[in-house]
Amino acid sequence: MRPADQTQPTRRVRLVQRVGGALALLGGLATFVFVWQPWDSCDYEDSSAGCRPGAVERTGLVTSLLLLLAGLVVAIVATVVAARAQRASPRPRR
């Protein structure tokens, strides 16, 4: 294998790690917003976070939690793949 071919999987893994991190960050922020519910108000609670969520809020919360989980799984799998590839690559002799 040529040196240029060896760097290509590393770039792909880094890209997948970044995409997974971005998905996890987006999912985490959306989860926070859906739990906090700044647009909601109710008579029985002082803060909007204590109000019972409606169907749209529940759907958004579940979706954002799944996005967070998927992003974490993608980032962790890419990190494990990168670590295994690094251990499997031949090291230069001294």
N, C-alpha and C. Protein backbone atom coordinates (compact mmCIF):
# COMPACT_ATOMS: atom_id res chain seq x y z
N MET A 1 0.83 -1.19 0.00
CA MET A 1 0.00 0.00 0.00
C MET A 1 0.87 1.25 0.00
N ARG A 2 0.47 2.21 -0.76
CA ARG A 2 1.21 3.46 -0.78
C ARG A 2 0.83 4.31 0.41
N PRO A 3 1.69 5.23 0.84
CA PRO A 3 1.37 6.08 1.99
C PRO A 3 0.10 6.89 1.81
N ALA A 4 -0.19 7.31 0.57
CA ALA A 4 -1.40 8.11 0.34
C ALA A 4 -2.65 7.27 0.59
N ASP A 5 -2.58 5.96 0.28
CA ASP A 5 -3.73 5.09 0.50
C ASP A 5 -3.97 4.84 1.98
N GLN A 6 -2.92 4.89 2.78
CA GLN A 6 -3.06 4.64 4.21
C GLN A 6 -3.73 5.80 4.93
N THR A 7 -3.62 7.01 4.43
CA THR A 7 -4.22 8.15 5.11
C THR A 7 -5.70 8.29 4.83
N GLN A 8 -6.19 7.67 3.74
CA GLN A 8 -7.58 7.83 3.36
C GLN A 8 -8.55 7.28 4.40
N PRO A 9 -8.37 6.06 4.93
CA PRO A 9 -9.31 5.60 5.97
C PRO A 9 -9.28 6.48 7.21
N THR A 10 -8.14 7.02 7.53
CA THR A 10 -8.04 7.89 8.70
C THR A 10 -8.90 9.14 8.50
N ARG A 11 -8.87 9.70 7.32
CA ARG A 11 -9.70 10.88 7.03
C ARG A 11 -11.18 10.53 7.10
N ARG A 12 -11.53 9.37 6.58
CA ARG A 12 -12.93 8.95 6.63
C ARG A 12 -13.40 8.73 8.07
N VAL A 13 -12.54 8.11 8.86
CA VAL A 13 -12.89 7.86 10.26
C VAL A 13 -13.06 9.17 11.00
N ARG A 14 -12.17 10.10 10.76
CA ARG A 14 -12.30 11.42 11.41
C ARG A 14 -13.58 12.11 10.99
N LEU A 15 -13.93 12.00 9.72
CA LEU A 15 -15.18 12.60 9.25
C LEU A 15 -16.38 11.96 9.93
N VAL A 16 -16.37 10.64 10.04
CA VAL A 16 -17.47 9.94 10.70
C VAL A 16 -17.53 10.31 12.18
N GLN A 17 -16.36 10.45 12.82
CA GLN A 17 -16.33 10.88 14.22
C GLN A 17 -16.95 12.26 14.37
N ARG A 18 -16.61 13.17 13.49
CA ARG A 18 -17.15 14.53 13.55
C ARG A 18 -18.65 14.54 13.30
N VAL A 19 -19.11 13.75 12.34
CA VAL A 19 -20.54 13.68 12.06
C VAL A 19 -21.29 13.10 13.26
N GLY A 20 -20.73 12.05 13.85
CA GLY A 20 -21.35 11.47 15.04
C GLY A 20 -21.38 12.45 16.20
N GLY A 21 -20.29 13.19 16.39
CA GLY A 21 -20.26 14.19 17.45
C GLY A 21 -21.26 15.30 17.21
N ALA A 22 -21.38 15.72 15.95
CA ALA A 22 -22.34 16.78 15.62
C ALA A 22 -23.78 16.30 15.84
N LEU A 23 -24.06 15.06 15.46
CA LEU A 23 -25.40 14.51 15.71
C LEU A 23 -25.70 14.42 17.19
N ALA A 24 -24.70 13.97 17.96
CA ALA A 24 -24.90 13.87 19.41
C ALA A 24 -25.11 15.25 20.03
N LEU A 25 -24.35 16.22 19.58
CA LEU A 25 -24.51 17.58 20.10
C LEU A 25 -25.88 18.14 19.75
N LEU A 26 -26.28 17.96 18.52
CA LEU A 26 -27.60 18.43 18.08
C LEU A 26 -28.71 17.74 18.86
N GLY A 27 -28.59 16.43 19.03
CA GLY A 27 -29.58 15.69 19.79
C GLY A 27 -29.62 16.11 21.25
N GLY A 28 -28.45 16.38 21.84
CA GLY A 28 -28.40 16.83 23.23
C GLY A 28 -29.03 18.19 23.42
N LEU A 29 -28.75 19.11 22.50
CA LEU A 29 -29.35 20.44 22.59
C LEU A 29 -30.86 20.38 22.40
N ALA A 30 -31.30 19.59 21.43
CA ALA A 30 -32.74 19.47 21.20
C ALA A 30 -33.44 18.80 22.39
N THR A 31 -32.79 17.82 23.00
CA THR A 31 -33.35 17.18 24.19
C THR A 31 -33.50 18.18 25.31
N PHE A 32 -32.48 18.99 25.52
CA PHE A 32 -32.53 20.02 26.56
C PHE A 32 -33.69 20.98 26.31
N VAL A 33 -33.85 21.41 25.08
CA VAL A 33 -34.92 22.35 24.75
C VAL A 33 -36.29 21.70 24.96
N PHE A 34 -36.45 20.44 24.54
CA PHE A 34 -37.75 19.79 24.71
C PHE A 34 -38.05 19.48 26.17
N VAL A 35 -37.04 19.26 26.99
CA VAL A 35 -37.29 19.07 28.42
C VAL A 35 -37.63 20.39 29.08
N TRP A 36 -36.94 21.45 28.68
CA TRP A 36 -37.15 22.77 29.28
C TRP A 36 -38.47 23.38 28.83
N GLN A 37 -38.87 23.19 27.59
CA GLN A 37 -40.11 23.69 27.00
C GLN A 37 -40.32 25.19 27.23
N PRO A 38 -39.48 26.05 26.70
CA PRO A 38 -39.62 27.48 26.97
C PRO A 38 -40.90 28.09 26.37
N TRP A 39 -41.54 27.43 25.44
CA TRP A 39 -42.73 27.96 24.79
C TRP A 39 -44.02 27.60 25.54
N ASP A 40 -43.93 26.75 26.55
CA ASP A 40 -45.12 26.22 27.20
C ASP A 40 -45.39 26.95 28.52
N SER A 41 -46.64 27.03 28.90
CA SER A 41 -47.03 27.55 30.21
C SER A 41 -48.28 26.80 30.66
N CYS A 42 -48.40 26.64 31.98
CA CYS A 42 -49.56 25.93 32.51
C CYS A 42 -49.96 26.57 33.84
N ASP A 43 -51.22 26.34 34.24
CA ASP A 43 -51.76 26.96 35.45
C ASP A 43 -51.26 26.29 36.72
N TYR A 44 -50.94 25.01 36.67
CA TYR A 44 -50.61 24.25 37.87
C TYR A 44 -49.12 24.23 38.19
N GLU A 45 -48.28 24.88 37.40
CA GLU A 45 -46.83 24.85 37.63
C GLU A 45 -46.24 26.22 37.38
N ASP A 46 -45.25 26.60 38.20
CA ASP A 46 -44.60 27.90 38.05
C ASP A 46 -43.64 27.94 36.87
N SER A 47 -42.93 26.85 36.64
CA SER A 47 -41.95 26.84 35.54
C SER A 47 -42.49 26.04 34.37
N SER A 48 -42.03 26.37 33.18
CA SER A 48 -42.51 25.67 31.99
C SER A 48 -41.99 24.24 31.93
N ALA A 49 -40.88 23.95 32.60
CA ALA A 49 -40.33 22.59 32.58
C ALA A 49 -41.23 21.63 33.34
N GLY A 50 -42.07 22.11 34.24
CA GLY A 50 -42.95 21.24 35.01
C GLY A 50 -44.26 20.93 34.33
N CYS A 51 -44.53 21.56 33.21
CA CYS A 51 -45.80 21.32 32.50
C CYS A 51 -45.77 19.96 31.81
N ARG A 52 -46.94 19.35 31.73
CA ARG A 52 -47.05 18.07 31.06
C ARG A 52 -46.86 18.27 29.55
N PRO A 53 -45.99 17.48 28.93
CA PRO A 53 -45.75 17.66 27.50
C PRO A 53 -46.90 17.13 26.67
N GLY A 54 -47.14 17.80 25.56
CA GLY A 54 -48.16 17.34 24.62
C GLY A 54 -47.59 16.30 23.68
N ALA A 55 -48.39 15.90 22.71
CA ALA A 55 -47.97 14.87 21.77
C ALA A 55 -46.77 15.32 20.93
N VAL A 56 -46.78 16.57 20.51
CA VAL A 56 -45.68 17.09 19.70
C VAL A 56 -44.39 17.14 20.52
N GLU A 57 -44.49 17.57 21.77
CA GLU A 57 -43.31 17.64 22.62
C GLU A 57 -42.75 16.25 22.91
N ARG A 58 -43.64 15.28 23.15
CA ARG A 58 -43.18 13.91 23.40
C ARG A 58 -42.49 13.34 22.18
N THR A 59 -43.06 13.57 21.01
CA THR A 59 -42.45 13.09 19.77
C THR A 59 -41.10 13.75 19.55
N GLY A 60 -41.02 15.05 19.77
CA GLY A 60 -39.75 15.75 19.62
C GLY A 60 -38.71 15.29 20.61
N LEU A 61 -39.13 15.01 21.84
CA LEU A 61 -38.20 14.54 22.87
C LEU A 61 -37.66 13.16 22.52
N VAL A 62 -38.53 12.25 22.11
CA VAL A 62 -38.08 10.91 21.73
C VAL A 62 -37.16 10.97 20.53
N THR A 63 -37.51 11.79 19.54
CA THR A 63 -36.68 11.93 18.35
C THR A 63 -35.31 12.50 18.70
N SER A 64 -35.27 13.52 19.54
CA SER A 64 -33.99 14.11 19.91
C SER A 64 -33.15 13.16 20.75
N LEU A 65 -33.79 12.36 21.61
CA LEU A 65 -33.04 11.36 22.37
C LEU A 65 -32.47 10.28 21.45
N LEU A 66 -33.23 9.86 20.46
CA LEU A 66 -32.72 8.89 19.49
C LEU A 66 -31.57 9.46 18.67
N LEU A 67 -31.67 10.74 18.31
CA LEU A 67 -30.59 11.40 17.59
C LEU A 67 -29.33 11.47 18.45
N LEU A 68 -29.50 11.79 19.71
CA LEU A 68 -28.37 11.82 20.65
C LEU A 68 -27.74 10.44 20.75
N LEU A 69 -28.54 9.41 20.91
CA LEU A 69 -28.03 8.05 21.03
C LEU A 69 -27.33 7.61 19.75
N ALA A 70 -27.93 7.89 18.60
CA ALA A 70 -27.33 7.50 17.33
C ALA A 70 -25.99 8.22 17.12
N GLY A 71 -25.93 9.50 17.45
CA GLY A 71 -24.67 10.23 17.32
C GLY A 71 -23.58 9.67 18.21
N LEU A 72 -23.95 9.32 19.44
CA LEU A 72 -22.97 8.73 20.35
C LEU A 72 -22.47 7.38 19.84
N VAL A 73 -23.39 6.55 19.35
CA VAL A 73 -22.99 5.24 18.83
C VAL A 73 -22.06 5.40 17.62
N VAL A 74 -22.39 6.29 16.71
CA VAL A 74 -21.56 6.50 15.52
C VAL A 74 -20.17 6.99 15.93
N ALA A 75 -20.11 7.95 16.83
CA ALA A 75 -18.82 8.49 17.26
C ALA A 75 -17.99 7.43 17.99
N ILE A 76 -18.60 6.64 18.84
CA ILE A 76 -17.87 5.61 19.58
C ILE A 76 -17.38 4.51 18.64
N VAL A 77 -18.23 4.06 17.72
CA VAL A 77 -17.81 3.02 16.78
C VAL A 77 -16.67 3.53 15.89
N ALA A 78 -16.75 4.76 15.43
CA ALA A 78 -15.67 5.31 14.61
C ALA A 78 -14.37 5.40 15.41
N THR A 79 -14.46 5.74 16.67
CA THR A 79 -13.27 5.82 17.52
C THR A 79 -12.66 4.44 17.72
N VAL A 80 -13.49 3.42 17.94
CA VAL A 80 -12.99 2.06 18.10
C VAL A 80 -12.35 1.57 16.81
N VAL A 81 -12.96 1.85 15.68
CA VAL A 81 -12.40 1.45 14.40
C VAL A 81 -11.05 2.14 14.17
N ALA A 82 -10.97 3.41 14.52
CA ALA A 82 -9.70 4.13 14.35
C ALA A 82 -8.62 3.55 15.25
N ALA A 83 -8.98 3.19 16.47
CA ALA A 83 -8.00 2.61 17.39
C ALA A 83 -7.52 1.25 16.90
N ARG A 84 -8.42 0.44 16.40
CA ARG A 84 -8.03 -0.87 15.87
C ARG A 84 -7.16 -0.73 14.62
N ALA A 85 -7.50 0.20 13.76
CA ALA A 85 -6.71 0.41 12.54
C ALA A 85 -5.31 0.91 12.89
N GLN A 86 -5.23 1.73 13.90
CA GLN A 86 -3.93 2.25 14.30
C GLN A 86 -3.07 1.13 14.90
N ARG A 87 -3.67 0.24 15.69
CA ARG A 87 -2.92 -0.88 16.25
C ARG A 87 -2.52 -1.87 15.19
N ALA A 88 -3.34 -2.05 14.15
CA ALA A 88 -3.07 -3.03 13.10
C ALA A 88 -2.06 -2.52 12.07
N SER A 89 -1.89 -1.22 11.97
CA SER A 89 -0.98 -0.68 10.96
C SER A 89 0.46 -0.98 11.35
N PRO A 90 1.28 -1.29 10.37
CA PRO A 90 2.68 -1.60 10.68
C PRO A 90 3.43 -0.35 11.16
N ARG A 91 4.23 -0.54 12.17
CA ARG A 91 5.01 0.56 12.70
C ARG A 91 6.38 0.58 12.04
N PRO A 92 6.91 1.77 11.79
CA PRO A 92 8.24 1.83 11.18
C PRO A 92 9.31 1.32 12.16
N ARG A 93 10.29 0.61 11.62
CA ARG A 93 11.37 0.10 12.45
C ARG A 93 12.37 1.18 12.73
N ARG A 94 12.96 1.11 13.91
CA ARG A 94 13.96 2.12 14.30
C ARG A 94 15.34 1.60 14.10
